[in-house]
Each structure stands twice: as C-alpha cells, then as structure tokens.
C-alpha cells in the first residue's frame, strides 16, 4: 500500500469512528442493498467525511464514479477511494478546465443516480441526456441553478438536501459559521475581536458566519438585498447597509450569497486599503477575481491561500484562496464539523435510498427532502446528541 493510500486510510478510519449516524446506515445498507445494480455519479468535495459517505453508498451495492470540486480535492483521499474499488477523477492542483473534464468523465460513465454539488452533473445531463432515475443536490447554489438556469430541463427528480431545515440549522448556520471563522483565523492568523467584518448574504450560511464572528468579538455588518432577510439581520442586532456604504468601513469581506458578481470592479475601486476578501459560497464567482486581476497593478503570493493584489492607486487587497470556498479550498482544509456532516450525509444517504427504491413518490425536477425523512433523521440526531450529555 502506498504512503498516500495509507495516509488517506488512516484519516478516513478516524473520521468514520466519529460519524455514528452513517455507521448505523452503513450497517442497514449492507443488509438491504438499496443500490444493488445501480451506479451513482458524484461531484462533491473529496475529503475524509465525503469518503465515509461513499463507503456507505458502496455498502448498499452502489458502483461509485466520482470527482471533487475545483481546488478542494485531497489527493490522499482520492488514492484511498481508488484503492477501495471506486472510479475517482481529480487532483488537488487540477486547473478549472481539468475540473470540468473530470465532471464530464463522471457523466460519460452514464450513472443511474446523481449526487451533485452545484448542479454540474445535472447541467450536463440536461444538454446530453441519458437514463437517470433521480439524484440529490447538496448546495444552495445548486438549488438556485436547478430552479433558474435548469428549470424545466431536468426530467428526473432531484432532492435538494439544502432545502432541509435540519441541514439549514445544523450544517449551514452552525457548521459553516464555525468552519468559516476557524478557517479565517488559521489561514490569515489575524485577530477577530475588534475587527470590522462585512458579510454579504444573510441566508442560513451568512447568518451563521455573522453570529460566530460577533460571538468572538468581531464588529459585523450585513449586506442583504432581500428585505425580509435584511430586516431579520437588523433585528438580530447587526448593522445593515449596502456595499457602497460599507466598502471603506470593512476590513474583511466574506461573501455567502450563492449568486455571482457580488464583489465587482466598482467595489474594488472603492474598497479600503488592506481589506481581506474571502468567499464561502460554493462557486468561485461571488468575488469577480478576473476583474480584480485585470484592475491590479501587481500580484504577490504570500502563502498557499493568501495573495496580495496591488491596485493602481497604491491601495492593495488580500485575496483568500483565489475566491474559492476558503473553508475547503484554503490551507489545511477541514470543512464543516464531523457532527454536522454526519447529519448532512445521512440526509444524502436516505434521500438517495428513496430515489433508488421509490422514485415514483417523487416529482421531476428540484424538490425538498421528504418530510418523513427529515423527521426520522431529526430523531436519530437527537438520540446521538443525548449520548454526549
């Protein structure tokens, strides 16, 4: 066994022992074999917790063909999964073009079921269709894409895991809030207390980031175009304004909207000298990095995930992880907490089981997690939490 495979195996073993919800499901799947004779095509961050999810699906009889997301793939996990009999594309240093080729490689295998992140596989299935019985979508960004760009073009059911209130509370608010703040501190080594933060977007993820930053002493302002969410942020005690007003106030800007073009050329021409720019949304499009580079007068790589971008008038900004999801694409990425991903991947597992065993109960296109699954998983999570009292 190679050193890379051994390292991946050791990391997965440690994570596996701390995900009790998936452990129970893996045992159930070995007995019921819901995916026997089926292949599952996956595009999702390739890291240790995802490996435990894939092991669970494989235990249920699935043939796995998978790739990661751009910039977040961990090479030892790829090696381990390949050694476990899975077909896996991708490497940590893949270019964006290579990532697209990896996704196309998964689609070329013509999987029966999709496990998608950002609707990349669904988009390929819409333009070059093949027989698919259904799938799941992990993210806010992917859910938006399915209901906007791809609306009416997906003839099979897609359960949007992100629509689950369980995921919204456990993973999006608390786990993303924790992992973004932890990643910011680890990557930049900057202090949070007293620092001025601007969070763009006050959905579940953005609100979690804002609350965790404030809990550690940060001064936090929120940018939100939805009036009800902006009202919620104001009632939660945050300063609420627009980017034009906050561009010169903020010291750190974190995007969490799921939409493209949040920090644009006009913003770069006004932002305060030395501001840190980071994104925690799925796609690397919330910060217009090409526009920033086109405007820059010089660029210096300061660390693996830190880049100084000099601007023509003498100001500079600090770009984190090239505008990618920095809690998974940054240095020594950890992602969301084990407990939250145990919950989230149980949602994935049981939703995929529903797709495989009862597709007739689902409608074509994007839809929320069935209520009975949400409630069953809530009961299991509460039982698991009681074990820690």
Protein backbone atom coordinates (compact mmCIF):
# COMPACT_ATOMS: atom_id res chain seq x y z
CA UNK A 1 0.00 0.00 0.00
CA UNK A 2 1.41 3.39 -1.00
CA UNK A 3 2.10 6.09 1.57
CA UNK A 4 -0.68 8.21 0.03
CA UNK A 5 -3.24 5.43 0.34
CA UNK A 6 -2.11 4.64 3.90
CA UNK A 7 -2.45 8.26 4.96
CA UNK A 8 -5.90 8.51 3.40
CA UNK A 9 -6.99 5.24 5.01
CA UNK A 10 -5.85 6.38 8.46
CA UNK A 11 -7.65 9.71 8.16
CA UNK A 12 -10.87 8.08 6.95
CA UNK A 13 -10.75 5.48 9.72
CA UNK A 14 -10.53 8.21 12.36
CA UNK A 15 -13.40 10.17 10.80
CA UNK A 16 -15.51 7.03 10.28
CA UNK A 17 -15.35 6.20 14.00
CA UNK A 18 -16.87 9.62 14.80
CA UNK A 19 -19.85 9.53 12.43
CA UNK A 20 -22.34 7.26 14.26
CA UNK A 21 -25.35 8.15 12.10
CA UNK A 22 -23.62 6.95 8.95
CA UNK A 23 -22.31 3.88 10.79
CA UNK A 24 -25.86 2.75 11.51
CA UNK A 25 -26.93 3.46 7.93
CA UNK A 26 -23.95 1.59 6.52
CA UNK A 27 -24.98 -1.47 8.52
CA UNK A 28 -28.58 -1.13 7.33
CA UNK A 29 -27.46 -0.75 3.71
CA UNK A 30 -25.29 -3.88 3.86
CA UNK A 31 -28.43 -5.82 4.72
CA UNK A 32 -30.93 -4.09 2.39
CA UNK A 33 -28.63 -3.35 -0.62
CA UNK A 34 -30.83 -0.50 -1.96
CA UNK A 35 -28.34 0.39 -4.72
CA UNK A 36 -27.60 -3.12 -6.00
CA UNK A 37 -27.09 -3.00 -9.75
CA UNK A 38 -27.04 0.83 -9.73
CA UNK A 39 -24.22 3.30 -10.30
CA UNK A 40 -24.00 6.64 -8.50
CA UNK A 41 -22.16 9.53 -10.14
CA UNK A 42 -20.87 12.10 -7.69
CA UNK A 43 -19.46 15.62 -7.88
CA UNK A 44 -18.72 16.66 -4.30
CA UNK A 45 -15.71 17.81 -2.26
CA UNK A 46 -13.32 14.86 -1.95
CA UNK A 47 -12.23 14.90 1.68
CA UNK A 48 -12.38 12.35 4.53
CA UNK A 49 -16.00 12.90 5.54
CA UNK A 50 -17.15 12.50 1.93
CA UNK A 51 -15.18 9.24 1.76
CA UNK A 52 -17.29 7.87 4.63
CA UNK A 53 -20.44 8.80 2.71
CA UNK A 54 -19.17 7.00 -0.39
CA UNK A 55 -18.29 3.92 1.67
CA UNK A 56 -21.86 3.93 2.98
CA UNK A 57 -23.32 4.03 -0.54
CA UNK A 58 -20.89 1.36 -1.70
CA UNK A 59 -22.01 -0.85 1.21
CA UNK A 60 -25.52 -0.53 -0.23
CA UNK A 61 -24.38 -2.07 -3.50
CA UNK A 62 -23.63 1.08 -5.49
CA UNK A 63 -20.91 1.32 -8.09
CA UNK A 64 -19.26 4.68 -7.48
CA UNK A 65 -17.81 7.05 -10.08
CA UNK A 66 -16.85 10.39 -8.59
CA UNK A 67 -14.98 13.65 -8.79
CA UNK A 68 -14.42 16.55 -6.43
CA UNK A 69 -14.85 20.29 -6.71
CA UNK A 70 -12.25 22.68 -8.01
CA UNK A 71 -9.49 23.41 -5.51
CA UNK A 72 -10.79 21.28 -2.64
CA UNK A 73 -9.76 17.75 -3.66
CA UNK A 74 -7.45 15.95 -1.22
CA UNK A 75 -5.05 13.62 -3.02
CA UNK A 76 -4.70 11.03 -0.27
CA UNK A 77 -8.48 10.63 -0.14
CA UNK A 78 -8.59 10.11 -3.91
CA UNK A 79 -5.92 7.42 -3.60
CA UNK A 80 -7.80 5.71 -0.76
CA UNK A 81 -11.11 5.70 -2.62
CA UNK A 82 -9.48 4.27 -5.73
CA UNK A 83 -7.94 1.52 -3.60
CA UNK A 84 -11.48 0.75 -2.37
CA UNK A 85 -12.67 -0.04 -5.88
CA UNK A 86 -14.20 3.29 -6.81
CA UNK A 87 -13.59 5.22 -10.03
CA UNK A 88 -12.40 8.66 -8.98
CA UNK A 89 -11.22 11.62 -11.09
CA UNK A 90 -9.34 14.64 -9.80
CA UNK A 91 -6.32 16.04 -8.00
CA UNK A 92 -5.65 18.96 -5.67
CA UNK A 93 -3.81 21.03 -8.29
CA UNK A 94 -6.26 20.50 -11.17
CA UNK A 95 -6.96 23.58 -13.27
CA UNK A 96 -10.55 24.74 -13.73
CA UNK A 97 -10.52 23.24 -17.24
CA UNK A 98 -9.31 19.91 -15.84
CA UNK A 99 -12.06 20.03 -13.23
CA UNK A 100 -14.64 20.42 -16.00
CA UNK A 101 -13.08 17.43 -17.75
CA UNK A 102 -13.36 15.44 -14.51
CA UNK A 103 -17.08 16.24 -14.25
CA UNK A 104 -17.50 15.24 -17.89
CA UNK A 105 -15.71 11.97 -17.09
CA UNK A 106 -18.30 11.18 -14.42
CA UNK A 107 -21.12 11.99 -16.84
CA UNK A 108 -19.50 9.81 -19.52
CA UNK A 109 -19.94 6.81 -17.21
CA UNK A 110 -23.72 7.33 -17.53
CA UNK A 111 -24.57 6.80 -13.85
CA UNK A 112 -28.12 5.84 -12.88
CA UNK A 113 -28.24 8.26 -9.93
CA UNK A 114 -26.56 11.67 -9.42
CA UNK A 115 -25.09 13.03 -6.19
CA UNK A 116 -24.47 16.62 -7.23
CA UNK A 117 -22.88 19.73 -5.77
CA UNK A 118 -23.61 22.93 -7.64
CA UNK A 119 -25.74 21.11 -10.29
CA UNK A 120 -22.72 20.49 -12.53
CA UNK A 121 -23.76 16.92 -13.36
CA UNK A 122 -27.40 17.89 -13.78
CA UNK A 123 -26.38 20.59 -16.26
CA UNK A 124 -24.52 18.03 -18.36
CA UNK A 125 -27.47 15.64 -18.15
CA UNK A 126 -29.74 18.42 -19.41
CA UNK A 127 -27.61 19.04 -22.52
CA UNK A 128 -26.61 15.42 -23.22
CA UNK A 129 -29.31 13.30 -21.56
CA UNK A 130 -29.04 9.65 -20.60
CA UNK A 131 -31.35 7.45 -18.50
CA UNK A 132 -31.27 8.73 -14.89
CA UNK A 133 -33.75 7.68 -12.22
CA UNK A 134 -33.02 10.66 -9.98
CA UNK A 135 -30.49 12.37 -7.76
CA UNK A 136 -29.68 14.77 -4.97
CA UNK A 137 -28.21 18.28 -4.83
CA UNK A 138 -26.16 19.38 -1.83
CA UNK A 139 -25.95 23.17 -2.03
CA UNK A 140 -27.78 26.49 -2.03
CA UNK A 141 -26.01 27.41 -5.27
CA UNK A 142 -27.05 24.16 -6.94
CA UNK A 143 -30.65 24.52 -5.79
CA UNK A 144 -30.79 28.04 -7.24
CA UNK A 145 -29.33 26.78 -10.50
CA UNK A 146 -31.84 23.93 -10.77
CA UNK A 147 -34.74 26.33 -10.23
CA UNK A 148 -33.41 29.04 -12.53
CA UNK A 149 -30.98 28.13 -15.30
CA UNK A 150 -32.09 24.47 -15.49
CA UNK A 151 -35.79 24.85 -14.72
CA UNK A 152 -37.90 22.65 -16.98
CA UNK A 153 -34.90 20.80 -18.42
CA UNK A 154 -34.48 18.12 -15.72
CA UNK A 155 -36.88 15.22 -16.37
CA UNK A 156 -35.89 13.25 -13.26
CA UNK A 157 -36.39 14.03 -9.56
CA UNK A 158 -33.63 15.88 -7.67
CA UNK A 159 -33.92 16.10 -3.89
CA UNK A 160 -32.28 19.35 -2.77
CA UNK A 161 -30.58 18.49 0.51
CA UNK A 162 -30.07 22.17 1.21
CA UNK A 163 -33.85 22.65 1.43
CA UNK A 164 -33.92 20.56 4.62
CA UNK A 165 -34.42 22.64 7.76
CA UNK A 166 -32.13 20.15 9.51
CA UNK A 167 -29.28 20.92 7.14
CA UNK A 168 -30.01 24.62 7.25
CA UNK A 169 -29.73 24.73 11.04
CA UNK A 170 -27.11 22.07 11.74
CA UNK A 171 -24.80 22.46 8.78
CA UNK A 172 -25.39 25.80 7.08
CA UNK A 173 -25.83 28.03 10.11
CA UNK A 174 -23.72 26.38 12.79
CA UNK A 175 -21.16 24.27 10.93
CA UNK A 176 -20.44 26.78 8.15
CA UNK A 177 -20.38 29.58 10.71
CA UNK A 178 -17.83 27.67 12.78
CA UNK A 179 -15.68 26.43 9.90
CA UNK A 180 -15.51 29.79 8.12
CA UNK A 181 -14.41 31.60 11.26
CA UNK A 182 -11.93 28.83 12.16
CA UNK A 183 -10.53 28.82 8.62
CA UNK A 184 -10.19 32.61 8.57
CA UNK A 185 -8.16 32.54 11.79
CA UNK A 186 -5.99 29.62 10.69
CA UNK A 187 -5.27 30.93 7.18
CA UNK A 188 -4.69 34.60 8.00
CA UNK A 189 -3.53 34.42 11.65
CA UNK A 190 -5.50 37.66 12.17
CA UNK A 191 -7.42 38.55 15.32
CA UNK A 192 -11.22 38.69 15.22
CA UNK A 193 -12.01 40.83 18.29
CA UNK A 194 -12.45 44.47 17.31
CA UNK A 195 -12.01 43.82 13.57
CA UNK A 196 -14.68 45.11 11.16
CA UNK A 197 -16.33 42.36 9.08
CA UNK A 198 -18.86 42.66 6.26
CA UNK A 199 -20.89 39.54 5.49
CA UNK A 200 -22.65 39.59 2.11
CA UNK A 201 -25.79 37.47 2.31
CA UNK A 202 -27.94 36.69 5.36
CA UNK A 203 -29.26 33.27 4.45
CA UNK A 204 -28.54 30.31 6.70
CA UNK A 205 -24.79 30.34 5.93
CA UNK A 206 -24.31 34.10 6.07
CA UNK A 207 -26.25 34.45 9.30
CA UNK A 208 -24.15 31.69 10.87
CA UNK A 209 -20.92 33.40 9.82
CA UNK A 210 -22.15 36.75 11.16
CA UNK A 211 -23.18 35.30 14.54
CA UNK A 212 -19.95 33.34 15.03
CA UNK A 213 -17.82 36.37 14.14
CA UNK A 214 -19.74 38.54 16.61
CA UNK A 215 -19.50 35.86 19.30
CA UNK A 216 -15.71 36.17 19.09
CA UNK A 217 -15.77 39.96 19.35
CA UNK A 218 -15.92 40.99 15.70
CA UNK A 219 -17.77 44.13 14.60
CA UNK A 220 -20.16 42.80 11.94
CA UNK A 221 -22.22 44.47 9.24
CA UNK A 222 -24.50 42.66 6.79
CA UNK A 223 -25.31 43.28 3.13
CA UNK A 224 -28.60 41.72 2.04
CA UNK A 225 -30.87 42.60 -0.91
CA UNK A 226 -33.87 40.61 0.34
CA UNK A 227 -35.91 42.97 2.53
CA UNK A 228 -37.12 40.27 4.94
CA UNK A 229 -33.66 38.84 5.47
CA UNK A 230 -32.24 42.35 5.87
CA UNK A 231 -34.94 43.01 8.48
CA UNK A 232 -34.00 39.79 10.27
CA UNK A 233 -30.33 40.83 10.35
CA UNK A 234 -31.28 44.23 11.75
CA UNK A 235 -33.47 42.62 14.42
CA UNK A 236 -30.55 40.33 15.28
CA UNK A 237 -28.59 43.48 16.09
CA UNK A 238 -26.33 43.76 13.02
CA UNK A 239 -25.62 46.91 11.08
CA UNK A 240 -27.36 46.51 7.71
CA UNK A 241 -26.33 48.57 4.72
CA UNK A 242 -25.16 48.26 1.12
CA UNK A 243 -21.68 47.63 -0.27
CA UNK A 244 -21.22 51.22 -1.38
CA UNK A 245 -21.69 52.38 2.21
CA UNK A 246 -19.50 49.65 3.71
CA UNK A 247 -16.68 49.44 1.15
CA UNK A 248 -14.44 51.82 3.08
CA UNK A 249 -15.61 50.66 6.53
CA UNK A 250 -14.99 46.94 6.30
CA UNK A 251 -11.63 45.32 6.97
CA UNK A 252 -12.76 41.81 5.94
CA UNK A 253 -15.46 40.99 3.36
CA UNK A 254 -16.96 37.48 3.27
CA UNK A 255 -19.45 36.55 0.56
CA UNK A 256 -22.14 33.94 1.30
CA UNK A 257 -24.92 34.54 -1.22
CA UNK A 258 -24.78 31.70 -3.78
CA UNK A 259 -25.02 34.32 -6.54
CA UNK A 260 -22.35 35.62 -8.97
CA UNK A 261 -20.90 39.12 -9.16
CA UNK A 262 -21.18 40.30 -5.55
CA UNK A 263 -17.75 41.98 -5.25
CA UNK A 264 -17.15 43.60 -8.63
CA UNK A 265 -14.93 46.14 -10.36
CA UNK A 266 -16.86 49.09 -8.91
CA UNK A 267 -16.33 47.71 -5.41
CA UNK A 268 -12.58 47.14 -5.98
CA UNK A 269 -12.19 50.82 -6.89
CA UNK A 270 -13.61 51.89 -3.51
CA UNK A 271 -12.64 49.21 -1.01
CA UNK A 272 -10.43 50.19 1.91
CA UNK A 273 -6.68 49.70 1.65
CA UNK A 274 -5.61 46.30 3.00
CA UNK A 275 -9.09 44.76 3.02
CA UNK A 276 -9.30 40.95 3.06
CA UNK A 277 -11.65 39.36 0.50
CA UNK A 278 -12.97 35.82 1.05
CA UNK A 279 -15.82 33.67 -0.26
CA UNK A 280 -17.64 30.77 1.40
CA UNK A 281 -20.20 30.17 -1.37
CA UNK A 282 -19.97 27.03 -3.49
CA UNK A 283 -18.93 28.66 -6.78
CA UNK A 284 -15.86 30.92 -7.14
CA UNK A 285 -17.95 33.62 -8.79
CA UNK A 286 -19.10 35.80 -5.90
CA UNK A 287 -15.81 37.71 -5.99
CA UNK A 288 -15.11 38.76 -9.59
CA UNK A 289 -11.48 37.62 -9.46
CA UNK A 290 -10.83 38.13 -13.23
CA UNK A 291 -11.97 41.76 -12.90
CA UNK A 292 -9.79 42.20 -9.82
CA UNK A 293 -6.74 40.84 -11.63
CA UNK A 294 -7.46 42.99 -14.69
CA UNK A 295 -7.56 46.08 -12.45
CA UNK A 296 -4.47 45.16 -10.42
CA UNK A 297 -1.00 46.63 -10.84
CA UNK A 298 0.77 43.64 -9.28
CA UNK A 299 0.18 40.33 -7.50
CA UNK A 300 2.23 38.60 -4.80
CA UNK A 301 1.62 35.12 -3.41
CA UNK A 302 2.11 35.46 0.34
CA UNK A 303 1.14 31.94 1.38
CA UNK A 304 -0.62 28.90 -0.05
CA UNK A 305 -4.04 30.55 0.23
CA UNK A 306 -3.14 34.24 0.63
CA UNK A 307 -2.42 36.64 -2.23
CA UNK A 308 -1.70 40.37 -2.11
CA UNK A 309 -3.30 42.22 -5.03
CA UNK A 310 -1.82 45.69 -5.57
CA UNK A 311 -4.12 48.32 -7.08
CA UNK A 312 -3.09 51.21 -9.39
CA UNK A 313 -3.70 53.99 -6.85
CA UNK A 314 -1.40 52.47 -4.22
CA UNK A 315 -4.03 50.51 -2.28
CA UNK A 316 -3.97 46.74 -2.00
CA UNK A 317 -6.37 43.95 -1.05
CA UNK A 318 -5.71 40.44 0.24
CA UNK A 319 -7.45 37.64 -1.65
CA UNK A 320 -8.08 34.34 0.15
CA UNK A 321 -7.98 31.02 -1.77
CA UNK A 322 -8.37 32.70 -5.17
CA UNK A 323 -12.02 33.43 -4.38
CA UNK A 324 -12.91 29.77 -3.89
CA UNK A 325 -14.77 28.33 -0.88
CA UNK A 326 -11.98 29.05 1.56
CA UNK A 327 -13.04 26.68 4.35
CA UNK A 328 -12.43 23.81 1.91
CA UNK A 329 -10.04 25.31 -0.66
CA UNK A 330 -7.71 27.05 1.77
CA UNK A 331 -4.62 25.79 3.55
CA UNK A 332 -5.08 22.53 5.51
CA UNK A 333 -8.82 22.49 4.78
CA UNK A 334 -11.08 20.99 7.41
CA UNK A 335 -14.55 21.91 6.12
CA UNK A 336 -17.59 21.59 8.32
CA UNK A 337 -17.62 19.76 11.64
CA UNK A 338 -17.86 15.97 11.85
CA UNK A 339 -21.23 16.01 13.62
CA UNK A 340 -22.82 18.34 11.08
CA UNK A 341 -21.58 16.28 8.14
CA UNK A 342 -22.75 13.08 9.80
CA UNK A 343 -26.20 14.69 9.81
CA UNK A 344 -25.89 16.11 6.30
CA UNK A 345 -24.61 12.89 4.78
CA UNK A 346 -27.35 10.90 6.50
CA UNK A 347 -29.75 13.21 4.65
CA UNK A 348 -27.86 12.38 1.46
CA UNK A 349 -27.86 8.63 2.10
CA UNK A 350 -31.54 8.27 2.92
CA UNK A 351 -32.58 10.64 0.13
CA UNK A 352 -30.57 8.61 -2.37
CA UNK A 353 -32.15 5.45 -0.96
CA UNK A 354 -35.60 6.99 -1.60
CA UNK A 355 -34.57 7.85 -5.17
CA UNK A 356 -33.33 4.29 -5.76
CA UNK A 357 -36.21 2.39 -4.14
CA UNK A 358 -39.27 4.62 -4.62
CA UNK A 359 -38.72 7.11 -7.47
CA UNK A 360 -42.45 7.09 -8.21
CA UNK A 361 -43.08 9.01 -4.97
CA UNK A 362 -41.05 11.93 -6.29
CA UNK A 363 -41.82 14.51 -8.98
CA UNK A 364 -39.45 15.58 -11.80
CA UNK A 365 -37.10 18.46 -11.03
CA UNK A 366 -35.90 20.09 -7.82
CA UNK A 367 -37.80 19.32 -4.61
CA UNK A 368 -37.19 19.33 -0.84
CA UNK A 369 -36.23 16.35 1.29
CA UNK A 370 -39.42 14.33 2.01
CA UNK A 371 -40.85 15.31 5.38
CA UNK A 372 -40.80 11.77 6.77
CA UNK A 373 -37.04 11.56 6.13
CA UNK A 374 -36.42 14.93 7.79
CA UNK A 375 -38.30 13.82 10.90
CA UNK A 376 -36.64 10.40 11.07
CA UNK A 377 -33.21 11.99 10.80
CA UNK A 378 -34.10 14.56 13.48
CA UNK A 379 -34.98 11.71 15.84
CA UNK A 380 -31.69 9.95 15.10
CA UNK A 381 -29.67 13.14 15.56
CA UNK A 382 -31.34 13.92 18.89
CA UNK A 383 -30.58 10.39 20.09
CA UNK A 384 -26.93 10.78 19.04
CA UNK A 385 -26.69 14.14 20.83
CA UNK A 386 -28.15 12.66 24.02
CA UNK A 387 -25.22 10.27 24.13
CA UNK A 388 -22.94 13.26 24.84
CA UNK A 389 -24.89 14.61 27.82
